[in-house]
């Protein structure tokens, strides 16, 4: 039985969609994939409703990524965002197709394996047909694979549940990435900071998918180093924040928290600095003591996420 493939694209890239359909045709004829895109709609259809319905029914999603795609609010805020959520929930597999040079690495897409090889834009290949052939084969492989499974989220402890109130991030699963017996290099410290930031972003996005008790949330990835979170209670804005790393000053040593969802990096109310101790590399809050943390024990990225979540939800 063919796997349903939802193709998300900008209408400005209709020529690229045509190339993709040509190279998918052999797999479509052989019953491997069943492509769907908004060209299947007919006059009088409710566009948004039908697109969302098709997206919810698909097995995997191909994102035809170009500058026009990233400039489209509908492609990014509706189709790509819903696709990523389905991927994180283990309901579908998302495959970024990098068609033209663009700022795709500033989005949440770099965490996914892109096609063609190494994410080199198709228009940069000396033989575009070779690149499209790789894309077709990669999508056929994705059609035969299981959907992506979300990270395991064990039940939180009662004390942690009280701290985060409405939702509870998963308990610590990642330890220190640097062996205690070795002295970390600058690169290893930077790698730890970026990995910790990605882990915190992942926890916030997963937590926001667990809506309830009249609280809903919105996660927005602004670029590789920033994301914002907004919480609503019964439709009214109740809390928000920007979390970022690598700013000119704030966040340059670690990961910073700003209590507004304006994306600003010139102010903060807390910073988790990356520090080296006898126990290895970890996160240390500079503005105040974290719950349950001894002064000589750095925090893991999961603990850092719980601290930021506490700051976000303490006024709910």
C-alpha atoms as a PDB file:
ATOM      1  CA  UNK A   1       0.000   0.000   0.000  1.00  0.00           C
ATOM      2  CA  UNK A   2       1.540   3.394  -0.959  1.00  0.00           C
ATOM      3  CA  UNK A   3       2.545   5.807   1.785  1.00  0.00           C
ATOM      4  CA  UNK A   4       0.864   9.196   1.639  1.00  0.00           C
ATOM      5  CA  UNK A   5       3.363  11.995   1.003  1.00  0.00           C
ATOM      6  CA  UNK A   6       2.335  15.587   1.762  1.00  0.00           C
ATOM      7  CA  UNK A   7       4.418  18.069  -0.259  1.00  0.00           C
ATOM      8  CA  UNK A   8       4.747  21.532   1.265  1.00  0.00           C
ATOM      9  CA  UNK A   9       5.991  24.191  -1.155  1.00  0.00           C
ATOM     10  CA  UNK A  10       5.667  27.838  -2.148  1.00  0.00           C
ATOM     11  CA  UNK A  11       3.538  28.532  -5.238  1.00  0.00           C
ATOM     12  CA  UNK A  12       6.475  30.602  -6.516  1.00  0.00           C
ATOM     13  CA  UNK A  13       8.387  27.313  -6.785  1.00  0.00           C
ATOM     14  CA  UNK A  14       5.869  25.511  -8.986  1.00  0.00           C
ATOM     15  CA  UNK A  15       8.672  24.643 -11.436  1.00  0.00           C
ATOM     16  CA  UNK A  16      10.588  22.847  -8.692  1.00  0.00           C
ATOM     17  CA  UNK A  17       7.427  21.018  -7.642  1.00  0.00           C
ATOM     18  CA  UNK A  18       7.100  19.857 -11.248  1.00  0.00           C
ATOM     19  CA  UNK A  19      10.647  18.445 -11.195  1.00  0.00           C
ATOM     20  CA  UNK A  20       9.967  16.681  -7.921  1.00  0.00           C
ATOM     21  CA  UNK A  21       6.803  15.078  -9.301  1.00  0.00           C
ATOM     22  CA  UNK A  22       8.706  13.849 -12.372  1.00  0.00           C
ATOM     23  CA  UNK A  23      11.305  12.100 -10.230  1.00  0.00           C
ATOM     24  CA  UNK A  24       8.680  10.679  -7.876  1.00  0.00           C
ATOM     25  CA  UNK A  25       6.616   9.259 -10.725  1.00  0.00           C
ATOM     26  CA  UNK A  26       8.425   5.847 -10.903  1.00  0.00           C
ATOM     27  CA  UNK A  27       7.845   5.313  -7.179  1.00  0.00           C
ATOM     28  CA  UNK A  28       4.255   6.485  -7.512  1.00  0.00           C
ATOM     29  CA  UNK A  29       3.663   4.046 -10.379  1.00  0.00           C
ATOM     30  CA  UNK A  30       5.186   1.190  -8.338  1.00  0.00           C
ATOM     31  CA  UNK A  31       2.894   1.884  -5.383  1.00  0.00           C
ATOM     32  CA  UNK A  32       5.610   3.186  -3.039  1.00  0.00           C
ATOM     33  CA  UNK A  33       4.369   6.749  -2.546  1.00  0.00           C
ATOM     34  CA  UNK A  34       1.128   8.639  -3.077  1.00  0.00           C
ATOM     35  CA  UNK A  35       2.001  12.357  -3.346  1.00  0.00           C
ATOM     36  CA  UNK A  36      -0.431  15.088  -2.323  1.00  0.00           C
ATOM     37  CA  UNK A  37      -0.108  18.846  -2.679  1.00  0.00           C
ATOM     38  CA  UNK A  38      -2.617  21.684  -2.827  1.00  0.00           C
ATOM     39  CA  UNK A  39      -2.924  21.343  -6.600  1.00  0.00           C
ATOM     40  CA  UNK A  40      -5.371  18.511  -5.908  1.00  0.00           C
ATOM     41  CA  UNK A  41      -7.872  21.012  -4.484  1.00  0.00           C
ATOM     42  CA  UNK A  42     -10.755  22.157  -6.643  1.00  0.00           C
ATOM     43  CA  UNK A  43     -12.578  25.513  -6.782  1.00  0.00           C
ATOM     44  CA  UNK A  44     -14.848  25.961  -3.796  1.00  0.00           C
ATOM     45  CA  UNK A  45     -12.720  23.924  -1.373  1.00  0.00           C
ATOM     46  CA  UNK A  46     -11.882  25.448   2.002  1.00  0.00           C
ATOM     47  CA  UNK A  47      -8.138  25.790   1.395  1.00  0.00           C
ATOM     48  CA  UNK A  48      -6.899  25.889   4.989  1.00  0.00           C
ATOM     49  CA  UNK A  49      -9.225  23.124   6.204  1.00  0.00           C
ATOM     50  CA  UNK A  50      -8.370  20.785   3.325  1.00  0.00           C
ATOM     51  CA  UNK A  51      -4.627  21.379   3.652  1.00  0.00           C
ATOM     52  CA  UNK A  52      -4.693  20.667   7.376  1.00  0.00           C
ATOM     53  CA  UNK A  53      -6.863  17.591   6.761  1.00  0.00           C
ATOM     54  CA  UNK A  54      -4.383  16.235   4.195  1.00  0.00           C
ATOM     55  CA  UNK A  55      -1.442  17.009   6.453  1.00  0.00           C
ATOM     56  CA  UNK A  56      -3.049  15.132   9.343  1.00  0.00           C
ATOM     57  CA  UNK A  57      -3.713  12.106   7.122  1.00  0.00           C
ATOM     58  CA  UNK A  58      -0.242  11.768   5.588  1.00  0.00           C
ATOM     59  CA  UNK A  59       2.459   9.275   6.529  1.00  0.00           C
ATOM     60  CA  UNK A  60       5.392  11.535   5.758  1.00  0.00           C
ATOM     61  CA  UNK A  61       6.019  15.107   4.657  1.00  0.00           C
ATOM     62  CA  UNK A  62       8.410  16.587   2.114  1.00  0.00           C
ATOM     63  CA  UNK A  63       9.297  20.247   2.622  1.00  0.00           C
ATOM     64  CA  UNK A  64      10.492  21.875  -0.625  1.00  0.00           C
ATOM     65  CA  UNK A  65      12.770  24.442   0.999  1.00  0.00           C
ATOM     66  CA  UNK A  66      13.704  27.630  -0.855  1.00  0.00           C
ATOM     67  CA  UNK A  67      13.918  31.341   0.016  1.00  0.00           C
ATOM     68  CA  UNK A  68      10.278  31.719  -1.111  1.00  0.00           C
ATOM     69  CA  UNK A  69       9.250  28.814   1.116  1.00  0.00           C
ATOM     70  CA  UNK A  70      10.921  30.370   4.178  1.00  0.00           C
ATOM     71  CA  UNK A  71       9.389  33.775   3.346  1.00  0.00           C
ATOM     72  CA  UNK A  72       5.875  32.305   3.287  1.00  0.00           C
ATOM     73  CA  UNK A  73       4.063  32.646   6.620  1.00  0.00           C
ATOM     74  CA  UNK A  74       1.672  29.855   5.651  1.00  0.00           C
ATOM     75  CA  UNK A  75       4.429  27.432   4.607  1.00  0.00           C
ATOM     76  CA  UNK A  76       6.427  28.036   7.797  1.00  0.00           C
ATOM     77  CA  UNK A  77       3.833  28.859  10.473  1.00  0.00           C
ATOM     78  CA  UNK A  78       1.193  26.350   9.386  1.00  0.00           C
ATOM     79  CA  UNK A  79       2.573  23.556   7.218  1.00  0.00           C
ATOM     80  CA  UNK A  80       6.155  23.300   8.508  1.00  0.00           C
ATOM     81  CA  UNK A  81       5.184  23.893  12.133  1.00  0.00           C
ATOM     82  CA  UNK A  82       2.426  21.250  12.015  1.00  0.00           C
ATOM     83  CA  UNK A  83       4.787  18.868  10.236  1.00  0.00           C
ATOM     84  CA  UNK A  84       7.482  19.256  12.891  1.00  0.00           C
ATOM     85  CA  UNK A  85       4.920  18.705  15.650  1.00  0.00           C
ATOM     86  CA  UNK A  86       3.713  15.504  13.970  1.00  0.00           C
ATOM     87  CA  UNK A  87       7.331  14.403  13.615  1.00  0.00           C
ATOM     88  CA  UNK A  88       8.059  15.044  17.302  1.00  0.00           C
ATOM     89  CA  UNK A  89       4.901  13.186  18.300  1.00  0.00           C
ATOM     90  CA  UNK A  90       5.951  10.173  16.224  1.00  0.00           C
ATOM     91  CA  UNK A  91       3.000  10.477  13.845  1.00  0.00           C
ATOM     92  CA  UNK A  92       4.894  11.250  10.634  1.00  0.00           C
ATOM     93  CA  UNK A  93       8.381  11.545   9.177  1.00  0.00           C
ATOM     94  CA  UNK A  94       9.574  14.930   7.876  1.00  0.00           C
ATOM     95  CA  UNK A  95      12.133  15.181   5.048  1.00  0.00           C
ATOM     96  CA  UNK A  96      13.565  18.642   4.217  1.00  0.00           C
ATOM     97  CA  UNK A  97      14.307  18.928   0.476  1.00  0.00           C
ATOM     98  CA  UNK A  98      16.847  21.728   0.049  1.00  0.00           C
ATOM     99  CA  UNK A  99      16.092  23.038  -3.434  1.00  0.00           C
ATOM    100  CA  UNK A 100      17.763  26.474  -3.419  1.00  0.00           C
ATOM    101  CA  UNK A 101      20.344  28.258  -1.231  1.00  0.00           C
ATOM    102  CA  UNK A 102      18.485  29.788   1.721  1.00  0.00           C
ATOM    103  CA  UNK A 103      18.630  30.316   5.486  1.00  0.00           C
ATOM    104  CA  UNK A 104      17.168  26.891   6.327  1.00  0.00           C
ATOM    105  CA  UNK A 105      19.850  26.275   8.975  1.00  0.00           C
ATOM    106  CA  UNK A 106      18.399  29.111  11.084  1.00  0.00           C
ATOM    107  CA  UNK A 107      15.171  27.124  11.509  1.00  0.00           C
ATOM    108  CA  UNK A 108      14.426  23.888  13.357  1.00  0.00           C
ATOM    109  CA  UNK A 109      15.158  21.856  10.205  1.00  0.00           C
ATOM    110  CA  UNK A 110      18.913  21.171  10.725  1.00  0.00           C
ATOM    111  CA  UNK A 111      18.016  18.595  13.401  1.00  0.00           C
ATOM    112  CA  UNK A 112      16.557  16.487  10.552  1.00  0.00           C
ATOM    113  CA  UNK A 113      18.567  14.731   7.832  1.00  0.00           C
ATOM    114  CA  UNK A 114      17.995  16.712   4.661  1.00  0.00           C
ATOM    115  CA  UNK A 115      18.121  15.657   1.026  1.00  0.00           C
ATOM    116  CA  UNK A 116      19.943  15.747  -1.384  1.00  0.00           C
ATOM    117  CA  UNK A 117      23.298  14.660   0.054  1.00  0.00           C
ATOM    118  CA  UNK A 118      24.631  16.913   2.852  1.00  0.00           C
ATOM    119  CA  UNK A 119      21.794  19.359   2.265  1.00  0.00           C
ATOM    120  CA  UNK A 120      23.562  20.837  -0.776  1.00  0.00           C
ATOM    121  CA  UNK A 121      20.909  22.855  -2.635  1.00  0.00           C
ATOM    122  CA  UNK A 122      19.750  21.189  -5.841  1.00  0.00           C
ATOM    123  CA  UNK A 123      20.469  24.313  -7.893  1.00  0.00           C
ATOM    124  CA  UNK A 124      24.116  24.118  -6.796  1.00  0.00           C
ATOM    125  CA  UNK A 125      24.622  20.657  -8.313  1.00  0.00           C
ATOM    126  CA  UNK A 126      26.401  20.472 -11.678  1.00  0.00           C
ATOM    127  CA  UNK A 127      23.794  17.878 -12.724  1.00  0.00           C
ATOM    128  CA  UNK A 128      20.382  18.791 -11.326  1.00  0.00           C
ATOM    129  CA  UNK A 129      18.866  15.497 -12.498  1.00  0.00           C
ATOM    130  CA  UNK A 130      21.361  13.613 -10.342  1.00  0.00           C
ATOM    131  CA  UNK A 131      20.289  15.660  -7.315  1.00  0.00           C
ATOM    132  CA  UNK A 132      16.577  15.115  -8.042  1.00  0.00           C
ATOM    133  CA  UNK A 133      17.230  11.375  -8.474  1.00  0.00           C
ATOM    134  CA  UNK A 134      18.788  11.310  -4.984  1.00  0.00           C
ATOM    135  CA  UNK A 135      15.766  13.176  -3.627  1.00  0.00           C
ATOM    136  CA  UNK A 136      13.394  10.653  -5.198  1.00  0.00           C
ATOM    137  CA  UNK A 137      15.338   7.707  -3.787  1.00  0.00           C
ATOM    138  CA  UNK A 138      15.544   9.311  -0.345  1.00  0.00           C
ATOM    139  CA  UNK A 139      11.792   9.903  -0.273  1.00  0.00           C
ATOM    140  CA  UNK A 140      11.209   6.290  -1.323  1.00  0.00           C
ATOM    141  CA  UNK A 141      13.428   5.191   1.582  1.00  0.00           C
ATOM    142  CA  UNK A 142      11.452   7.431   3.928  1.00  0.00           C
ATOM    143  CA  UNK A 143       8.241   5.872   2.636  1.00  0.00           C
ATOM    144  CA  UNK A 144       9.511   2.436   3.640  1.00  0.00           C
ATOM    145  CA  UNK A 145      10.714   3.504   7.074  1.00  0.00           C
ATOM    146  CA  UNK A 146       8.820   3.776  10.318  1.00  0.00           C
ATOM    147  CA  UNK A 147       7.794   7.264  11.351  1.00  0.00           C
ATOM    148  CA  UNK A 148      10.143   9.123  13.675  1.00  0.00           C
ATOM    149  CA  UNK A 149       9.569   8.209  17.293  1.00  0.00           C
ATOM    150  CA  UNK A 150       9.528  10.994  19.886  1.00  0.00           C
ATOM    151  CA  UNK A 151      12.086  10.931  22.689  1.00  0.00           C
ATOM    152  CA  UNK A 152      10.982   8.945  25.709  1.00  0.00           C
ATOM    153  CA  UNK A 153       9.372  11.160  28.330  1.00  0.00           C
ATOM    154  CA  UNK A 154       9.289   9.352  31.677  1.00  0.00           C
ATOM    155  CA  UNK A 155       6.843  10.451  34.325  1.00  0.00           C
ATOM    156  CA  UNK A 156       8.029  13.391  36.404  1.00  0.00           C
ATOM    157  CA  UNK A 157       8.493  13.226  40.117  1.00  0.00           C
ATOM    158  CA  UNK A 158       5.886  14.838  42.344  1.00  0.00           C
ATOM    159  CA  UNK A 159       8.265  17.580  43.428  1.00  0.00           C
ATOM    160  CA  UNK A 160       9.195  18.461  39.854  1.00  0.00           C
ATOM    161  CA  UNK A 161       5.522  18.479  38.868  1.00  0.00           C
ATOM    162  CA  UNK A 162       4.826  21.068  41.576  1.00  0.00           C
ATOM    163  CA  UNK A 163       7.619  23.262  40.303  1.00  0.00           C
ATOM    164  CA  UNK A 164       6.446  23.331  36.699  1.00  0.00           C
ATOM    165  CA  UNK A 165       2.742  23.448  37.659  1.00  0.00           C
ATOM    166  CA  UNK A 166       0.686  23.074  34.496  1.00  0.00           C
ATOM    167  CA  UNK A 167       3.198  20.921  32.555  1.00  0.00           C
ATOM    168  CA  UNK A 168       6.307  19.008  33.574  1.00  0.00           C
ATOM    169  CA  UNK A 169       9.431  18.716  31.451  1.00  0.00           C
ATOM    170  CA  UNK A 170      10.984  15.260  31.425  1.00  0.00           C
ATOM    171  CA  UNK A 171      13.469  14.529  34.228  1.00  0.00           C
ATOM    172  CA  UNK A 172      17.182  14.623  33.601  1.00  0.00           C
ATOM    173  CA  UNK A 173      18.293  12.125  30.966  1.00  0.00           C
ATOM    174  CA  UNK A 174      21.568  13.661  29.805  1.00  0.00           C
ATOM    175  CA  UNK A 175      24.614  13.727  32.045  1.00  0.00           C
ATOM    176  CA  UNK A 176      27.780  15.690  31.541  1.00  0.00           C
ATOM    177  CA  UNK A 177      29.111  15.309  28.045  1.00  0.00           C
ATOM    178  CA  UNK A 178      32.766  15.700  29.079  1.00  0.00           C
ATOM    179  CA  UNK A 179      34.561  12.959  31.095  1.00  0.00           C
ATOM    180  CA  UNK A 180      35.477  14.167  34.564  1.00  0.00           C
ATOM    181  CA  UNK A 181      39.069  13.057  34.190  1.00  0.00           C
ATOM    182  CA  UNK A 182      39.814  15.242  31.156  1.00  0.00           C
ATOM    183  CA  UNK A 183      40.146  18.982  30.738  1.00  0.00           C
ATOM    184  CA  UNK A 184      37.612  20.166  28.173  1.00  0.00           C
ATOM    185  CA  UNK A 185      38.761  22.194  25.206  1.00  0.00           C
ATOM    186  CA  UNK A 186      37.102  25.419  24.088  1.00  0.00           C
ATOM    187  CA  UNK A 187      35.410  23.469  21.301  1.00  0.00           C
ATOM    188  CA  UNK A 188      34.032  20.900  23.740  1.00  0.00           C
ATOM    189  CA  UNK A 189      32.691  23.669  25.968  1.00  0.00           C
ATOM    190  CA  UNK A 190      31.026  25.370  22.984  1.00  0.00           C
ATOM    191  CA  UNK A 191      29.630  22.020  21.836  1.00  0.00           C
ATOM    192  CA  UNK A 192      28.183  21.460  25.321  1.00  0.00           C
ATOM    193  CA  UNK A 193      26.569  24.924  25.311  1.00  0.00           C
ATOM    194  CA  UNK A 194      24.931  24.432  21.908  1.00  0.00           C
ATOM    195  CA  UNK A 195      23.843  20.870  22.732  1.00  0.00           C
ATOM    196  CA  UNK A 196      22.368  22.101  26.015  1.00  0.00           C
ATOM    197  CA  UNK A 197      20.506  24.896  24.216  1.00  0.00           C
ATOM    198  CA  UNK A 198      19.054  22.405  21.698  1.00  0.00           C
ATOM    199  CA  UNK A 199      18.011  20.080  24.527  1.00  0.00           C
ATOM    200  CA  UNK A 200      16.254  22.938  26.365  1.00  0.00           C
ATOM    201  CA  UNK A 201      14.466  23.948  23.149  1.00  0.00           C
ATOM    202  CA  UNK A 202      13.392  20.334  22.593  1.00  0.00           C
ATOM    203  CA  UNK A 203      11.979  20.031  26.116  1.00  0.00           C
ATOM    204  CA  UNK A 204      10.033  23.286  25.825  1.00  0.00           C
ATOM    205  CA  UNK A 205       8.572  22.281  22.450  1.00  0.00           C
ATOM    206  CA  UNK A 206       7.573  18.844  23.748  1.00  0.00           C
ATOM    207  CA  UNK A 207       6.108  20.290  26.927  1.00  0.00           C
ATOM    208  CA  UNK A 208       3.988  22.782  24.993  1.00  0.00           C
ATOM    209  CA  UNK A 209       2.463  19.921  23.032  1.00  0.00           C
ATOM    210  CA  UNK A 210       0.932  18.685  26.316  1.00  0.00           C
ATOM    211  CA  UNK A 211      -1.833  21.261  26.602  1.00  0.00           C
ATOM    212  CA  UNK A 212      -4.486  21.213  29.292  1.00  0.00           C
ATOM    213  CA  UNK A 213      -6.202  22.942  32.190  1.00  0.00           C
ATOM    214  CA  UNK A 214      -7.120  25.896  30.007  1.00  0.00           C
ATOM    215  CA  UNK A 215      -3.455  26.599  29.202  1.00  0.00           C
ATOM    216  CA  UNK A 216      -2.184  26.588  25.614  1.00  0.00           C
ATOM    217  CA  UNK A 217       1.213  27.540  24.324  1.00  0.00           C
ATOM    218  CA  UNK A 218       3.136  28.652  21.265  1.00  0.00           C
ATOM    219  CA  UNK A 219       6.761  27.741  20.531  1.00  0.00           C
ATOM    220  CA  UNK A 220       8.583  29.747  17.852  1.00  0.00           C
ATOM    221  CA  UNK A 221      12.139  29.058  16.702  1.00  0.00           C
ATOM    222  CA  UNK A 222      13.486  32.448  15.590  1.00  0.00           C
ATOM    223  CA  UNK A 223      16.932  31.254  14.501  1.00  0.00           C
ATOM    224  CA  UNK A 224      19.671  28.792  15.477  1.00  0.00           C
ATOM    225  CA  UNK A 225      20.328  30.632  18.754  1.00  0.00           C
ATOM    226  CA  UNK A 226      16.876  31.873  19.863  1.00  0.00           C
ATOM    227  CA  UNK A 227      13.372  30.661  20.521  1.00  0.00           C
ATOM    228  CA  UNK A 228      10.316  32.206  22.160  1.00  0.00           C
ATOM    229  CA  UNK A 229       7.509  30.696  24.200  1.00  0.00           C
ATOM    230  CA  UNK A 230       4.080  32.211  24.878  1.00  0.00           C
ATOM    231  CA  UNK A 231       1.508  30.737  27.270  1.00  0.00           C
ATOM    232  CA  UNK A 232      -2.201  31.556  27.114  1.00  0.00           C
ATOM    233  CA  UNK A 233      -4.835  30.851  29.724  1.00  0.00           C
ATOM    234  CA  UNK A 234      -8.280  30.553  28.167  1.00  0.00           C
ATOM    235  CA  UNK A 235      -7.026  32.572  25.212  1.00  0.00           C
ATOM    236  CA  UNK A 236      -5.463  35.414  27.226  1.00  0.00           C
ATOM    237  CA  UNK A 237      -1.712  35.867  27.244  1.00  0.00           C
ATOM    238  CA  UNK A 238      -0.408  34.753  30.640  1.00  0.00           C
ATOM    239  CA  UNK A 239       3.376  34.356  30.375  1.00  0.00           C
ATOM    240  CA  UNK A 240       6.165  34.506  27.814  1.00  0.00           C
ATOM    241  CA  UNK A 241       9.928  34.341  27.398  1.00  0.00           C
ATOM    242  CA  UNK A 242      12.837  34.376  24.976  1.00  0.00           C
ATOM    243  CA  UNK A 243      15.663  31.877  25.523  1.00  0.00           C
ATOM    244  CA  UNK A 244      18.895  32.442  23.646  1.00  0.00           C
ATOM    245  CA  UNK A 245      22.607  31.756  23.511  1.00  0.00           C
ATOM    246  CA  UNK A 246      25.656  33.315  21.907  1.00  0.00           C
ATOM    247  CA  UNK A 247      24.703  37.000  22.184  1.00  0.00           C
ATOM    248  CA  UNK A 248      27.281  39.781  22.156  1.00  0.00           C
ATOM    249  CA  UNK A 249      27.140  39.924  25.953  1.00  0.00           C
ATOM    250  CA  UNK A 250      24.091  38.285  27.464  1.00  0.00           C
ATOM    251  CA  UNK A 251      24.164  34.583  26.689  1.00  0.00           C
ATOM    252  CA  UNK A 252      27.731  34.692  25.389  1.00  0.00           C
ATOM    253  CA  UNK A 253      28.955  32.452  28.225  1.00  0.00           C
ATOM    254  CA  UNK A 254      25.904  30.268  28.426  1.00  0.00           C
ATOM    255  CA  UNK A 255      22.150  30.282  27.893  1.00  0.00           C
ATOM    256  CA  UNK A 256      20.062  33.308  28.873  1.00  0.00           C
ATOM    257  CA  UNK A 257      16.401  33.899  29.730  1.00  0.00           C
ATOM    258  CA  UNK A 258      14.433  37.056  28.919  1.00  0.00           C
ATOM    259  CA  UNK A 259      10.931  37.268  30.389  1.00  0.00           C
ATOM    260  CA  UNK A 260       9.321  38.547  27.176  1.00  0.00           C
ATOM    261  CA  UNK A 261       8.632  36.903  23.823  1.00  0.00           C
ATOM    262  CA  UNK A 262      10.089  39.839  21.869  1.00  0.00           C
ATOM    263  CA  UNK A 263      13.204  37.927  20.805  1.00  0.00           C
ATOM    264  CA  UNK A 264      15.498  40.542  22.385  1.00  0.00           C
ATOM    265  CA  UNK A 265      19.014  39.480  23.379  1.00  0.00           C
ATOM    266  CA  UNK A 266      20.114  42.730  25.008  1.00  0.00           C
ATOM    267  CA  UNK A 267      18.526  41.935  28.356  1.00  0.00           C
ATOM    268  CA  UNK A 268      17.976  38.937  30.591  1.00  0.00           C
ATOM    269  CA  UNK A 269      16.610  37.931  33.977  1.00  0.00           C
ATOM    270  CA  UNK A 270      18.655  34.729  34.330  1.00  0.00           C
ATOM    271  CA  UNK A 271      21.663  33.138  32.711  1.00  0.00           C
ATOM    272  CA  UNK A 272      22.887  29.562  32.878  1.00  0.00           C
ATOM    273  CA  UNK A 273      26.634  29.885  32.445  1.00  0.00           C
ATOM    274  CA  UNK A 274      28.702  26.954  31.212  1.00  0.00           C
ATOM    275  CA  UNK A 275      31.275  26.226  33.888  1.00  0.00           C
ATOM    276  CA  UNK A 276      33.877  23.531  34.460  1.00  0.00           C
ATOM    277  CA  UNK A 277      34.130  21.833  37.835  1.00  0.00           C
ATOM    278  CA  UNK A 278      35.636  18.657  39.203  1.00  0.00           C
ATOM    279  CA  UNK A 279      32.462  16.921  38.080  1.00  0.00           C
ATOM    280  CA  UNK A 280      32.833  18.041  34.471  1.00  0.00           C
ATOM    281  CA  UNK A 281      31.029  20.670  32.425  1.00  0.00           C
ATOM    282  CA  UNK A 282      27.619  21.862  33.543  1.00  0.00           C
ATOM    283  CA  UNK A 283      25.276  24.830  33.826  1.00  0.00           C
ATOM    284  CA  UNK A 284      25.320  27.261  36.752  1.00  0.00           C
ATOM    285  CA  UNK A 285      22.630  29.948  37.281  1.00  0.00           C
ATOM    286  CA  UNK A 286      24.094  33.375  37.929  1.00  0.00           C
ATOM    287  CA  UNK A 287      21.073  35.390  39.052  1.00  0.00           C
ATOM    288  CA  UNK A 288      19.780  33.125  41.778  1.00  0.00           C
ATOM    289  CA  UNK A 289      19.927  29.707  43.351  1.00  0.00           C
ATOM    290  CA  UNK A 290      18.152  26.929  41.502  1.00  0.00           C
ATOM    291  CA  UNK A 291      15.790  24.617  43.294  1.00  0.00           C
ATOM    292  CA  UNK A 292      17.422  21.544  44.817  1.00  0.00           C
ATOM    293  CA  UNK A 293      20.930  22.435  43.631  1.00  0.00           C
ATOM    294  CA  UNK A 294      23.928  22.241  45.863  1.00  0.00           C
ATOM    295  CA  UNK A 295      26.444  25.001  45.242  1.00  0.00           C
ATOM    296  CA  UNK A 296      29.142  22.561  44.115  1.00  0.00           C
ATOM    297  CA  UNK A 297      26.987  20.609  41.675  1.00  0.00           C
ATOM    298  CA  UNK A 298      26.421  22.050  38.179  1.00  0.00           C
ATOM    299  CA  UNK A 299      23.087  21.460  36.479  1.00  0.00           C
ATOM    300  CA  UNK A 300      22.350  19.246  33.487  1.00  0.00           C
ATOM    301  CA  UNK A 301      20.543  20.701  30.444  1.00  0.00           C
ATOM    302  CA  UNK A 302      17.317  19.047  31.633  1.00  0.00           C
ATOM    303  CA  UNK A 303      17.658  20.718  35.035  1.00  0.00           C
ATOM    304  CA  UNK A 304      18.313  24.016  33.257  1.00  0.00           C
ATOM    305  CA  UNK A 305      15.121  23.568  31.234  1.00  0.00           C
ATOM    306  CA  UNK A 306      13.165  22.926  34.433  1.00  0.00           C
ATOM    307  CA  UNK A 307      14.573  26.111  35.994  1.00  0.00           C
ATOM    308  CA  UNK A 308      13.593  28.210  32.973  1.00  0.00           C
ATOM    309  CA  UNK A 309      10.152  26.580  32.955  1.00  0.00           C
ATOM    310  CA  UNK A 310       9.762  27.512  36.624  1.00  0.00           C
ATOM    311  CA  UNK A 311      10.581  31.147  35.774  1.00  0.00           C
ATOM    312  CA  UNK A 312       8.034  31.086  32.955  1.00  0.00           C
ATOM    313  CA  UNK A 313       5.183  29.553  34.929  1.00  0.00           C
ATOM    314  CA  UNK A 314       5.665  30.952  38.431  1.00  0.00           C
ATOM    315  CA  UNK A 315       3.018  33.631  37.873  1.00  0.00           C
ATOM    316  CA  UNK A 316       0.387  31.361  36.358  1.00  0.00           C
END
